[in-house]
C-alpha cells in the first residue's frame, strides 16, 4: 500500500513538472536584465525615437536590450510598430519593424 502511494505521489509530481515545463516553453524565457527606461533617460530616448520615426506614440521601452543600450517601441499613426535602437548618448543606431502582432497575414 505504501509503495502505491509513493508511486502515485511521484507520478503526480512528474505531471506537474511536465505541465510547468510546457508553460515555460510556450511563453518563452523572460530576460531579467531588461528593464524599462525611466526618468530623464526616458524623456531623451522617447524624443530621439519619435524624431527618428517622424511621430507616433512610445508604447514600450527597454534598457539593456540585446541589440543596443536603449530600445524604444513606437506605434505609428497607421498602427504599425517600429523598434528604435539607441546608444548610451541617445543616438539612433538602428531600427526595425516590430512584427510581434500575432497576425498570420
Protein backbone atom coordinates (compact mmCIF):
# COMPACT_ATOMS: atom_id res chain seq x y z
CA UNK A 1 0.00 0.00 0.00
CA UNK A 2 2.84 2.38 0.89
CA UNK A 3 4.53 1.66 -2.48
CA UNK A 4 1.34 2.56 -4.36
CA UNK A 5 1.11 5.86 -2.50
CA UNK A 6 4.76 6.70 -3.27
CA UNK A 7 4.27 5.89 -6.95
CA UNK A 8 1.08 7.95 -7.08
CA UNK A 9 2.79 10.98 -5.49
CA UNK A 10 5.82 10.60 -7.77
CA UNK A 11 3.57 10.39 -10.83
CA UNK A 12 1.62 13.48 -9.80
CA UNK A 13 4.86 15.40 -9.21
CA UNK A 14 6.17 14.39 -12.63
CA UNK A 15 2.91 15.58 -14.21
CA UNK A 16 3.18 18.95 -12.50
CA UNK A 17 6.77 19.36 -13.67
CA UNK A 18 5.76 18.46 -17.24
CA UNK A 19 2.91 20.98 -17.24
CA UNK A 20 5.12 23.72 -15.79
CA UNK A 21 7.81 22.99 -18.39
CA UNK A 22 5.28 23.24 -21.20
CA UNK A 23 4.03 26.57 -19.86
CA UNK A 24 7.55 28.00 -19.75
CA UNK A 25 8.27 26.77 -23.27
CA UNK A 26 5.03 28.29 -24.57
CA UNK A 27 5.61 31.70 -23.01
CA UNK A 28 9.35 31.96 -23.52
CA UNK A 29 12.01 32.98 -21.08
CA UNK A 30 11.98 36.46 -19.64
CA UNK A 31 15.37 38.15 -19.50
CA UNK A 32 15.61 39.75 -16.07
CA UNK A 33 18.29 42.15 -17.34
CA UNK A 34 15.80 44.05 -19.50
CA UNK A 35 14.33 46.98 -17.61
CA UNK A 36 12.09 49.84 -18.74
CA UNK A 37 13.75 53.20 -19.26
CA UNK A 38 12.86 55.73 -16.55
CA UNK A 39 13.35 59.37 -15.60
CA UNK A 40 15.32 61.79 -17.73
CA UNK A 41 16.65 58.93 -19.87
CA UNK A 42 13.04 58.03 -20.79
CA UNK A 43 12.38 61.60 -21.93
CA UNK A 44 15.55 61.73 -24.04
CA UNK A 45 15.09 58.25 -25.53
CA UNK A 46 11.45 58.94 -26.38
CA UNK A 47 12.32 62.26 -28.04
CA UNK A 48 15.09 60.67 -30.10
CA UNK A 49 12.89 57.76 -31.21
CA UNK A 50 9.94 59.99 -32.13
CA UNK A 51 12.22 62.34 -34.08
CA UNK A 52 13.58 59.33 -35.96
CA UNK A 53 10.14 57.92 -36.82
CA UNK A 54 8.57 61.30 -37.56
CA UNK A 55 5.97 60.92 -34.83
CA UNK A 56 3.80 58.28 -33.26
CA UNK A 57 3.42 57.13 -29.68
CA UNK A 58 6.01 55.45 -27.45
CA UNK A 59 4.41 52.18 -26.35
CA UNK A 60 7.30 50.33 -24.73
CA UNK A 61 10.88 50.95 -23.66
CA UNK A 62 13.78 48.78 -22.64
CA UNK A 63 17.21 49.47 -21.20
CA UNK A 64 19.90 46.85 -21.65
CA UNK A 65 18.43 45.45 -24.84
CA UNK A 66 20.39 42.75 -26.67
CA UNK A 67 20.73 44.96 -29.78
CA UNK A 68 21.55 48.33 -28.21
CA UNK A 69 21.74 50.26 -24.95
CA UNK A 70 18.15 51.54 -25.26
CA UNK A 71 15.21 50.27 -27.29
CA UNK A 72 12.07 52.32 -27.81
CA UNK A 73 8.98 50.82 -29.42
CA UNK A 74 6.96 53.41 -31.32
CA UNK A 75 3.45 52.81 -32.61
CA UNK A 76 2.97 54.86 -35.77
CA UNK A 77 -0.33 56.56 -36.74
CA UNK A 78 -1.09 53.70 -39.18
CA UNK A 79 -0.86 51.17 -36.31
CA UNK A 80 2.46 49.66 -37.34
CA UNK A 81 5.26 49.46 -34.79
CA UNK A 82 8.96 50.23 -35.06
CA UNK A 83 11.67 49.32 -32.55
CA UNK A 84 14.24 52.14 -32.49
CA UNK A 85 17.69 51.20 -31.17
CA UNK A 86 19.70 53.90 -29.36
CA UNK A 87 23.22 54.07 -27.96
CA UNK A 88 24.09 55.47 -24.49
CA UNK A 89 24.07 59.02 -25.90
CA UNK A 90 20.58 58.60 -27.42
CA UNK A 91 21.87 58.40 -31.00
CA UNK A 92 19.89 56.13 -33.30
CA UNK A 93 21.93 53.06 -34.21
CA UNK A 94 19.18 51.13 -35.96
CA UNK A 95 15.51 50.35 -36.27
CA UNK A 96 13.29 47.52 -37.39
CA UNK A 97 9.62 46.86 -37.91
CA UNK A 98 8.13 45.12 -34.90
CA UNK A 99 6.16 42.18 -36.26
CA UNK A 100 5.01 40.75 -32.91
CA UNK A 101 1.36 41.44 -33.72
CA UNK A 102 0.48 37.75 -33.86
CA UNK A 103 -1.20 38.12 -37.27
CA UNK A 104 -0.54 35.40 -39.81
CA UNK A 105 -1.40 37.55 -42.84
